[in-house]
Amino acid sequence: MKIYILYSIIMATIIYLEDNGEISVITEIKNIVQLGKEGDSDARTLARYIRQGLTQLEAVGIPAEKRLEMYGYEDNGDERFFNLLKPLRGPKPLYEFRVNRSTPGAFRAIFFEYNFEGEQYLIFTKAVLKKGDSNPPEFQTAMRESERLYQDFFKDPSKYLEEGE
């Protein structure tokens, strides 16, 4: 008898930054999950896609071509396509983790990459749920705050990495 053991190799480690006592990305995800628990099937589906997308991002990291795609399935069996990753324009090298859905909205989480001792860390900073407006003021605020967090992080990365180690 042969026994095969497959090891899951994590290509990236996701870290959620706290800012002013709040972890924005976790808070936004919890809000979506809560809507799902209250009976909103669209929110429940969005939460599932977010989990699948983050799992995939952690498994493969940021690909060299800066593209990450995912297929998911609606409750009725229809296939959905997601472009999970988008580099953002701006003074800092930020990325957008994206899960589009018309209802309850398009989930966006801003993050940046940090490589240390051969490990890729994906540092998530802020998240918003876009509803209607493709570039709402809340997202612009999240980008500015993420740029500030990026600068703070690179002043002393070890203070952020030691807590989770």
N, C-alpha and C. Protein backbone atom coordinates (compact mmCIF):
# COMPACT_ATOMS: atom_id res chain seq x y z
N MET A 1 0.84 -1.16 0.00
CA MET A 1 0.00 0.00 0.00
C MET A 1 0.89 1.24 0.00
N LYS A 2 0.53 2.22 -0.84
CA LYS A 2 1.25 3.48 -0.87
C LYS A 2 0.40 4.56 -0.23
N ILE A 3 1.04 5.41 0.52
CA ILE A 3 0.35 6.54 1.12
C ILE A 3 0.97 7.80 0.55
N TYR A 4 0.12 8.65 0.03
CA TYR A 4 0.59 9.91 -0.53
C TYR A 4 0.14 11.04 0.39
N ILE A 5 1.06 11.85 0.76
CA ILE A 5 0.74 13.00 1.60
C ILE A 5 1.02 14.25 0.78
N LEU A 6 -0.01 15.06 0.65
CA LEU A 6 0.14 16.31 -0.08
C LEU A 6 0.20 17.45 0.94
N TYR A 7 1.17 18.28 0.78
CA TYR A 7 1.30 19.42 1.67
C TYR A 7 0.84 20.67 0.93
N SER A 8 0.05 21.44 1.60
CA SER A 8 -0.37 22.72 1.05
C SER A 8 0.75 23.73 1.32
N ILE A 9 1.27 24.28 0.28
CA ILE A 9 2.35 25.26 0.43
C ILE A 9 1.73 26.65 0.36
N ILE A 10 1.86 27.38 1.43
CA ILE A 10 1.35 28.74 1.47
C ILE A 10 2.40 29.64 0.83
N MET A 11 1.99 30.36 -0.20
CA MET A 11 2.92 31.22 -0.92
C MET A 11 2.98 32.61 -0.32
N ALA A 12 1.96 33.00 0.43
CA ALA A 12 1.94 34.34 1.02
C ALA A 12 1.26 34.26 2.38
N THR A 13 1.62 35.18 3.24
CA THR A 13 0.98 35.30 4.54
C THR A 13 0.20 36.60 4.54
N ILE A 14 -1.06 36.53 4.88
CA ILE A 14 -1.89 37.74 4.94
C ILE A 14 -1.88 38.27 6.36
N ILE A 15 -1.62 39.57 6.47
CA ILE A 15 -1.64 40.27 7.75
C ILE A 15 -2.65 41.40 7.64
N TYR A 16 -3.52 41.52 8.63
CA TYR A 16 -4.52 42.59 8.66
C TYR A 16 -4.05 43.64 9.67
N LEU A 17 -3.77 44.85 9.18
CA LEU A 17 -3.26 45.90 10.06
C LEU A 17 -4.37 46.53 10.88
N GLU A 18 -4.01 46.84 12.11
CA GLU A 18 -4.91 47.58 12.99
C GLU A 18 -4.56 49.05 12.87
N ASP A 19 -5.59 49.89 12.82
CA ASP A 19 -5.39 51.33 12.75
C ASP A 19 -6.41 51.99 13.67
N ASN A 20 -5.92 52.74 14.64
CA ASN A 20 -6.80 53.41 15.61
C ASN A 20 -7.74 52.42 16.30
N GLY A 21 -7.20 51.27 16.67
CA GLY A 21 -7.97 50.29 17.41
C GLY A 21 -8.93 49.44 16.58
N GLU A 22 -8.90 49.60 15.27
CA GLU A 22 -9.81 48.83 14.41
C GLU A 22 -9.03 48.13 13.30
N ILE A 23 -9.46 46.94 12.97
CA ILE A 23 -8.92 46.22 11.82
C ILE A 23 -9.99 46.31 10.74
N SER A 24 -9.88 47.32 9.89
CA SER A 24 -10.90 47.68 8.92
C SER A 24 -11.36 46.52 8.05
N VAL A 25 -10.41 45.74 7.55
CA VAL A 25 -10.76 44.66 6.63
C VAL A 25 -11.60 43.60 7.34
N ILE A 26 -11.19 43.22 8.54
CA ILE A 26 -11.93 42.22 9.31
C ILE A 26 -13.31 42.77 9.67
N THR A 27 -13.38 44.03 10.07
CA THR A 27 -14.67 44.64 10.42
C THR A 27 -15.63 44.61 9.24
N GLU A 28 -15.14 44.96 8.06
CA GLU A 28 -16.01 44.97 6.87
C GLU A 28 -16.48 43.56 6.52
N ILE A 29 -15.59 42.59 6.61
CA ILE A 29 -15.98 41.20 6.33
C ILE A 29 -17.02 40.73 7.36
N LYS A 30 -16.80 41.04 8.64
CA LYS A 30 -17.76 40.65 9.67
C LYS A 30 -19.13 41.28 9.43
N ASN A 31 -19.15 42.53 8.96
CA ASN A 31 -20.42 43.19 8.66
C ASN A 31 -21.17 42.46 7.55
N ILE A 32 -20.44 42.02 6.53
CA ILE A 32 -21.05 41.27 5.43
C ILE A 32 -21.56 39.92 5.93
N VAL A 33 -20.77 39.25 6.74
CA VAL A 33 -21.18 37.96 7.31
C VAL A 33 -22.44 38.14 8.16
N GLN A 34 -22.49 39.21 8.94
CA GLN A 34 -23.66 39.47 9.78
C GLN A 34 -24.92 39.66 8.93
N LEU A 35 -24.79 40.40 7.82
CA LEU A 35 -25.93 40.54 6.91
C LEU A 35 -26.40 39.17 6.42
N GLY A 36 -25.45 38.31 6.11
CA GLY A 36 -25.79 36.95 5.68
C GLY A 36 -26.51 36.17 6.75
N LYS A 37 -26.05 36.30 7.99
CA LYS A 37 -26.70 35.60 9.11
C LYS A 37 -28.12 36.11 9.34
N GLU A 38 -28.35 37.38 8.98
CA GLU A 38 -29.68 37.96 9.15
C GLU A 38 -30.61 37.63 7.98
N GLY A 39 -30.13 36.79 7.07
CA GLY A 39 -31.00 36.32 6.00
C GLY A 39 -30.73 36.88 4.62
N ASP A 40 -29.73 37.75 4.47
CA ASP A 40 -29.40 38.31 3.16
C ASP A 40 -28.56 37.29 2.39
N SER A 41 -29.20 36.60 1.45
CA SER A 41 -28.49 35.54 0.72
C SER A 41 -27.39 36.11 -0.18
N ASP A 42 -27.57 37.34 -0.69
CA ASP A 42 -26.51 37.96 -1.50
C ASP A 42 -25.27 38.23 -0.65
N ALA A 43 -25.47 38.69 0.58
CA ALA A 43 -24.33 38.93 1.48
C ALA A 43 -23.65 37.61 1.83
N ARG A 44 -24.43 36.57 2.04
CA ARG A 44 -23.87 35.26 2.35
C ARG A 44 -23.00 34.76 1.19
N THR A 45 -23.50 34.97 -0.04
CA THR A 45 -22.73 34.57 -1.22
C THR A 45 -21.47 35.41 -1.36
N LEU A 46 -21.58 36.71 -1.12
CA LEU A 46 -20.41 37.59 -1.18
C LEU A 46 -19.37 37.15 -0.16
N ALA A 47 -19.79 36.84 1.05
CA ALA A 47 -18.85 36.39 2.09
C ALA A 47 -18.13 35.12 1.65
N ARG A 48 -18.85 34.22 1.03
CA ARG A 48 -18.24 32.97 0.54
C ARG A 48 -17.19 33.27 -0.52
N TYR A 49 -17.50 34.17 -1.46
CA TYR A 49 -16.54 34.53 -2.51
C TYR A 49 -15.31 35.23 -1.92
N ILE A 50 -15.51 36.07 -0.92
CA ILE A 50 -14.38 36.75 -0.27
C ILE A 50 -13.46 35.70 0.35
N ARG A 51 -14.05 34.75 1.07
CA ARG A 51 -13.24 33.69 1.70
C ARG A 51 -12.48 32.89 0.65
N GLN A 52 -13.16 32.51 -0.43
CA GLN A 52 -12.50 31.74 -1.49
C GLN A 52 -11.37 32.55 -2.13
N GLY A 53 -11.62 33.82 -2.37
CA GLY A 53 -10.61 34.68 -3.00
C GLY A 53 -9.40 34.88 -2.12
N LEU A 54 -9.62 35.13 -0.83
CA LEU A 54 -8.49 35.31 0.09
C LEU A 54 -7.69 34.02 0.24
N THR A 55 -8.38 32.90 0.24
CA THR A 55 -7.69 31.60 0.30
C THR A 55 -6.82 31.41 -0.93
N GLN A 56 -7.34 31.77 -2.08
CA GLN A 56 -6.57 31.64 -3.32
C GLN A 56 -5.38 32.60 -3.32
N LEU A 57 -5.61 33.84 -2.89
CA LEU A 57 -4.53 34.82 -2.86
C LEU A 57 -3.41 34.36 -1.93
N GLU A 58 -3.78 33.81 -0.78
CA GLU A 58 -2.77 33.32 0.16
C GLU A 58 -2.02 32.12 -0.42
N ALA A 59 -2.72 31.30 -1.19
CA ALA A 59 -2.10 30.09 -1.75
C ALA A 59 -1.11 30.41 -2.86
N VAL A 60 -1.36 31.45 -3.64
CA VAL A 60 -0.48 31.74 -4.78
C VAL A 60 0.32 33.03 -4.63
N GLY A 61 -0.06 33.90 -3.71
CA GLY A 61 0.61 35.18 -3.59
C GLY A 61 0.28 36.08 -4.77
N ILE A 62 1.06 37.12 -4.94
CA ILE A 62 0.86 38.03 -6.07
C ILE A 62 1.64 37.48 -7.25
N PRO A 63 0.95 37.05 -8.30
CA PRO A 63 1.65 36.52 -9.48
C PRO A 63 2.50 37.59 -10.16
N ALA A 64 3.51 37.16 -10.88
CA ALA A 64 4.42 38.09 -11.56
C ALA A 64 3.68 39.01 -12.51
N GLU A 65 2.65 38.50 -13.18
CA GLU A 65 1.91 39.33 -14.14
C GLU A 65 0.85 40.19 -13.46
N LYS A 66 0.76 40.13 -12.13
CA LYS A 66 -0.16 40.95 -11.33
C LYS A 66 -1.62 40.70 -11.68
N ARG A 67 -1.95 39.48 -12.07
CA ARG A 67 -3.34 39.08 -12.36
C ARG A 67 -3.68 37.85 -11.54
N LEU A 68 -4.86 37.87 -10.98
CA LEU A 68 -5.34 36.71 -10.24
C LEU A 68 -6.84 36.58 -10.50
N GLU A 69 -7.21 35.46 -11.07
CA GLU A 69 -8.60 35.24 -11.45
C GLU A 69 -9.18 34.08 -10.66
N MET A 70 -10.50 34.11 -10.50
CA MET A 70 -11.18 33.05 -9.76
C MET A 70 -12.55 32.82 -10.38
N TYR A 71 -12.96 31.58 -10.37
CA TYR A 71 -14.32 31.23 -10.76
C TYR A 71 -15.07 30.77 -9.52
N GLY A 72 -16.30 31.19 -9.42
CA GLY A 72 -17.16 30.76 -8.33
C GLY A 72 -18.52 30.38 -8.89
N TYR A 73 -19.36 29.84 -8.04
CA TYR A 73 -20.69 29.41 -8.49
C TYR A 73 -21.77 30.01 -7.61
N GLU A 74 -22.77 30.54 -8.27
CA GLU A 74 -23.94 31.07 -7.58
C GLU A 74 -24.74 29.91 -7.00
N ASP A 75 -25.67 30.22 -6.13
CA ASP A 75 -26.51 29.18 -5.53
C ASP A 75 -27.32 28.42 -6.58
N ASN A 76 -27.62 29.08 -7.70
CA ASN A 76 -28.39 28.43 -8.76
C ASN A 76 -27.51 27.64 -9.73
N GLY A 77 -26.19 27.61 -9.47
CA GLY A 77 -25.27 26.86 -10.31
C GLY A 77 -24.57 27.67 -11.39
N ASP A 78 -25.00 28.92 -11.60
CA ASP A 78 -24.36 29.77 -12.61
C ASP A 78 -22.92 30.07 -12.20
N GLU A 79 -22.04 30.03 -13.20
CA GLU A 79 -20.62 30.31 -12.95
C GLU A 79 -20.39 31.82 -12.95
N ARG A 80 -19.51 32.26 -12.02
CA ARG A 80 -19.12 33.67 -11.94
C ARG A 80 -17.60 33.77 -12.08
N PHE A 81 -17.15 34.81 -12.75
CA PHE A 81 -15.73 35.07 -12.94
C PHE A 81 -15.35 36.30 -12.13
N PHE A 82 -14.20 36.23 -11.45
CA PHE A 82 -13.71 37.36 -10.67
C PHE A 82 -12.26 37.64 -11.03
N ASN A 83 -11.96 38.90 -11.26
CA ASN A 83 -10.59 39.37 -11.38
C ASN A 83 -10.25 39.91 -10.00
N LEU A 84 -9.57 39.13 -9.19
CA LEU A 84 -9.38 39.42 -7.77
C LEU A 84 -8.37 40.51 -7.47
N LEU A 85 -7.48 40.80 -8.39
CA LEU A 85 -6.33 41.64 -8.09
C LEU A 85 -6.22 42.79 -9.08
N LYS A 86 -6.00 43.99 -8.54
CA LYS A 86 -5.80 45.14 -9.41
C LYS A 86 -4.75 46.05 -8.76
N PRO A 87 -3.64 46.32 -9.47
CA PRO A 87 -2.70 47.32 -8.95
C PRO A 87 -3.37 48.70 -8.99
N LEU A 88 -3.21 49.46 -7.93
CA LEU A 88 -3.81 50.79 -7.87
C LEU A 88 -2.80 51.84 -8.31
N ARG A 89 -3.31 52.87 -8.93
CA ARG A 89 -2.45 53.99 -9.33
C ARG A 89 -2.30 54.93 -8.14
N GLY A 90 -1.10 55.39 -7.95
CA GLY A 90 -0.85 56.30 -6.85
C GLY A 90 0.61 56.33 -6.50
N PRO A 91 0.96 57.11 -5.48
CA PRO A 91 2.38 57.25 -5.12
C PRO A 91 2.97 56.02 -4.43
N LYS A 92 2.12 55.13 -3.93
CA LYS A 92 2.61 53.92 -3.25
C LYS A 92 2.14 52.68 -4.02
N PRO A 93 2.91 51.59 -3.96
CA PRO A 93 2.54 50.37 -4.69
C PRO A 93 1.45 49.58 -3.94
N LEU A 94 0.23 50.05 -4.06
CA LEU A 94 -0.91 49.41 -3.41
C LEU A 94 -1.67 48.55 -4.40
N TYR A 95 -2.37 47.56 -3.86
CA TYR A 95 -3.22 46.67 -4.66
C TYR A 95 -4.63 46.70 -4.10
N GLU A 96 -5.53 46.27 -4.96
CA GLU A 96 -6.93 46.17 -4.57
C GLU A 96 -7.35 44.71 -4.71
N PHE A 97 -7.85 44.13 -3.63
CA PHE A 97 -8.47 42.81 -3.67
C PHE A 97 -9.95 43.07 -3.95
N ARG A 98 -10.47 42.44 -5.02
CA ARG A 98 -11.80 42.80 -5.52
C ARG A 98 -12.71 41.58 -5.63
N VAL A 99 -13.90 41.73 -5.10
CA VAL A 99 -14.96 40.74 -5.34
C VAL A 99 -16.20 41.54 -5.73
N ASN A 100 -16.51 41.51 -7.01
CA ASN A 100 -17.64 42.29 -7.53
C ASN A 100 -18.95 41.55 -7.38
N ARG A 101 -19.92 42.30 -6.90
CA ARG A 101 -21.29 41.82 -6.80
C ARG A 101 -22.19 43.05 -6.74
N SER A 102 -23.28 43.03 -7.46
CA SER A 102 -24.15 44.21 -7.46
C SER A 102 -24.85 44.37 -6.11
N THR A 103 -25.22 43.26 -5.49
CA THR A 103 -25.87 43.32 -4.19
C THR A 103 -25.15 42.35 -3.25
N PRO A 104 -24.76 42.72 -2.07
CA PRO A 104 -24.97 44.00 -1.42
C PRO A 104 -24.00 45.09 -1.87
N GLY A 105 -22.99 44.75 -2.68
CA GLY A 105 -22.04 45.73 -3.19
C GLY A 105 -20.75 45.04 -3.58
N ALA A 106 -19.83 45.84 -4.10
CA ALA A 106 -18.52 45.33 -4.54
C ALA A 106 -17.53 45.48 -3.38
N PHE A 107 -17.02 44.35 -2.90
CA PHE A 107 -16.06 44.37 -1.80
C PHE A 107 -14.69 44.76 -2.32
N ARG A 108 -14.05 45.71 -1.65
CA ARG A 108 -12.71 46.13 -1.98
C ARG A 108 -11.87 46.16 -0.71
N ALA A 109 -10.68 45.57 -0.79
CA ALA A 109 -9.73 45.63 0.31
C ALA A 109 -8.38 46.06 -0.27
N ILE A 110 -7.79 47.05 0.33
CA ILE A 110 -6.51 47.59 -0.13
C ILE A 110 -5.39 46.93 0.66
N PHE A 111 -4.32 46.61 -0.06
CA PHE A 111 -3.18 45.97 0.60
C PHE A 111 -1.90 46.28 -0.16
N PHE A 112 -0.78 45.93 0.48
CA PHE A 112 0.52 46.06 -0.19
C PHE A 112 1.34 44.82 0.13
N GLU A 113 2.40 44.69 -0.64
CA GLU A 113 3.27 43.52 -0.54
C GLU A 113 4.54 43.88 0.23
N TYR A 114 4.98 42.95 1.07
CA TYR A 114 6.25 43.10 1.77
C TYR A 114 6.96 41.75 1.71
N ASN A 115 8.17 41.76 1.19
CA ASN A 115 8.97 40.54 1.10
C ASN A 115 10.08 40.60 2.14
N PHE A 116 10.21 39.52 2.92
CA PHE A 116 11.20 39.48 3.98
C PHE A 116 11.70 38.05 4.14
N GLU A 117 13.00 37.88 4.02
CA GLU A 117 13.65 36.58 4.19
C GLU A 117 12.97 35.49 3.35
N GLY A 118 12.69 35.84 2.10
CA GLY A 118 12.10 34.88 1.18
C GLY A 118 10.61 34.65 1.34
N GLU A 119 9.99 35.34 2.26
CA GLU A 119 8.55 35.21 2.50
C GLU A 119 7.81 36.41 1.92
N GLN A 120 6.65 36.15 1.33
CA GLN A 120 5.81 37.23 0.83
C GLN A 120 4.69 37.48 1.84
N TYR A 121 4.62 38.71 2.31
CA TYR A 121 3.55 39.13 3.22
C TYR A 121 2.63 40.07 2.46
N LEU A 122 1.34 39.87 2.61
CA LEU A 122 0.35 40.76 2.02
C LEU A 122 -0.31 41.49 3.17
N ILE A 123 -0.05 42.79 3.23
CA ILE A 123 -0.46 43.60 4.36
C ILE A 123 -1.76 44.32 4.00
N PHE A 124 -2.87 43.84 4.54
CA PHE A 124 -4.18 44.44 4.26
C PHE A 124 -4.43 45.60 5.21
N THR A 125 -4.89 46.71 4.65
CA THR A 125 -5.02 47.95 5.41
C THR A 125 -6.46 48.40 5.63
N LYS A 126 -7.21 48.57 4.56
CA LYS A 126 -8.56 49.13 4.64
C LYS A 126 -9.48 48.39 3.69
N ALA A 127 -10.77 48.41 3.99
CA ALA A 127 -11.76 47.78 3.12
C ALA A 127 -13.03 48.62 3.07
N VAL A 128 -13.71 48.55 1.95
CA VAL A 128 -14.99 49.22 1.78
C VAL A 128 -15.91 48.31 0.96
N LEU A 129 -17.19 48.58 1.08
CA LEU A 129 -18.19 47.92 0.26
C LEU A 129 -18.76 48.99 -0.65
N LYS A 130 -18.38 48.95 -1.92
CA LYS A 130 -18.84 49.94 -2.89
C LYS A 130 -20.27 49.63 -3.29
N LYS A 131 -21.10 50.66 -3.26
CA LYS A 131 -22.50 50.50 -3.67
C LYS A 131 -22.82 51.59 -4.69
N GLY A 132 -22.97 51.20 -5.93
CA GLY A 132 -23.33 52.16 -6.98
C GLY A 132 -22.15 52.89 -7.56
N ASP A 133 -21.65 53.90 -6.86
CA ASP A 133 -20.55 54.74 -7.33
C ASP A 133 -19.29 53.89 -7.49
N SER A 134 -18.67 53.96 -8.68
CA SER A 134 -17.47 53.15 -8.92
C SER A 134 -16.23 53.69 -8.20
N ASN A 135 -16.27 54.96 -7.80
CA ASN A 135 -15.14 55.55 -7.10
C ASN A 135 -15.65 56.44 -5.95
N PRO A 136 -16.27 55.82 -4.94
CA PRO A 136 -16.88 56.61 -3.87
C PRO A 136 -15.85 57.30 -2.99
N PRO A 137 -16.27 58.36 -2.30
CA PRO A 137 -15.35 59.07 -1.39
C PRO A 137 -14.76 58.15 -0.32
N GLU A 138 -15.53 57.15 0.13
CA GLU A 138 -15.02 56.23 1.15
C GLU A 138 -13.81 55.45 0.64
N PHE A 139 -13.84 55.12 -0.64
CA PHE A 139 -12.71 54.39 -1.20
C PHE A 139 -11.49 55.30 -1.33
N GLN A 140 -11.71 56.55 -1.73
CA GLN A 140 -10.60 57.50 -1.82
C GLN A 140 -9.97 57.72 -0.44
N THR A 141 -10.81 57.82 0.58
CA THR A 141 -10.30 57.95 1.96
C THR A 141 -9.51 56.71 2.35
N ALA A 142 -10.02 55.53 2.01
CA ALA A 142 -9.32 54.28 2.33
C ALA A 142 -7.96 54.23 1.63
N MET A 143 -7.89 54.74 0.41
CA MET A 143 -6.59 54.77 -0.30
C MET A 143 -5.61 55.68 0.41
N ARG A 144 -6.06 56.88 0.78
CA ARG A 144 -5.16 57.82 1.48
C ARG A 144 -4.68 57.22 2.80
N GLU A 145 -5.59 56.62 3.55
CA GLU A 145 -5.21 56.01 4.82
C GLU A 145 -4.26 54.83 4.60
N SER A 146 -4.46 54.09 3.53
CA SER A 146 -3.58 52.96 3.21
C SER A 146 -2.18 53.45 2.84
N GLU A 147 -2.10 54.58 2.15
CA GLU A 147 -0.79 55.16 1.82
C GLU A 147 -0.06 55.55 3.10
N ARG A 148 -0.80 56.13 4.07
CA ARG A 148 -0.20 56.50 5.35
C ARG A 148 0.26 55.24 6.10
N LEU A 149 -0.57 54.20 6.11
CA LEU A 149 -0.20 52.96 6.79
C LEU A 149 1.00 52.30 6.12
N TYR A 150 1.09 52.40 4.81
CA TYR A 150 2.24 51.88 4.06
C TYR A 150 3.52 52.55 4.57
N GLN A 151 3.48 53.89 4.66
CA GLN A 151 4.65 54.62 5.15
C GLN A 151 5.00 54.23 6.58
N ASP A 152 3.99 54.14 7.44
CA ASP A 152 4.23 53.75 8.83
C ASP A 152 4.83 52.35 8.92
N PHE A 153 4.31 51.43 8.12
CA PHE A 153 4.78 50.06 8.15
C PHE A 153 6.26 49.99 7.79
N PHE A 154 6.66 50.68 6.72
CA PHE A 154 8.04 50.58 6.26
C PHE A 154 9.03 51.34 7.12
N LYS A 155 8.56 52.15 8.06
CA LYS A 155 9.46 52.77 9.03
C LYS A 155 10.03 51.71 9.97
N ASP A 156 9.19 50.72 10.34
CA ASP A 156 9.63 49.64 11.24
C ASP A 156 8.76 48.41 11.03
N PRO A 157 9.00 47.65 9.96
CA PRO A 157 8.17 46.47 9.67
C PRO A 157 8.16 45.43 10.80
N SER A 158 9.26 45.34 11.54
CA SER A 158 9.35 44.28 12.56
C SER A 158 8.28 44.44 13.64
N LYS A 159 7.86 45.66 13.94
CA LYS A 159 6.85 45.82 14.99
C LYS A 159 5.50 45.25 14.56
N TYR A 160 5.27 45.15 13.27
CA TYR A 160 4.02 44.57 12.76
C TYR A 160 4.13 43.06 12.60
N LEU A 161 5.31 42.59 12.26
CA LEU A 161 5.50 41.16 11.99
C LEU A 161 5.67 40.35 13.26
N GLU A 162 6.20 40.95 14.32
CA GLU A 162 6.47 40.22 15.56
C GLU A 162 5.19 39.79 16.26
N GLU A 163 4.13 40.61 16.19
CA GLU A 163 2.90 40.31 16.91
C GLU A 163 2.28 39.00 16.45
N GLY A 164 2.27 38.75 15.14
CA GLY A 164 1.61 37.56 14.61
C GLY A 164 2.51 36.34 14.56
N GLU A 165 3.77 36.49 14.82
CA GLU A 165 4.71 35.37 14.69
C GLU A 165 4.61 34.45 15.89
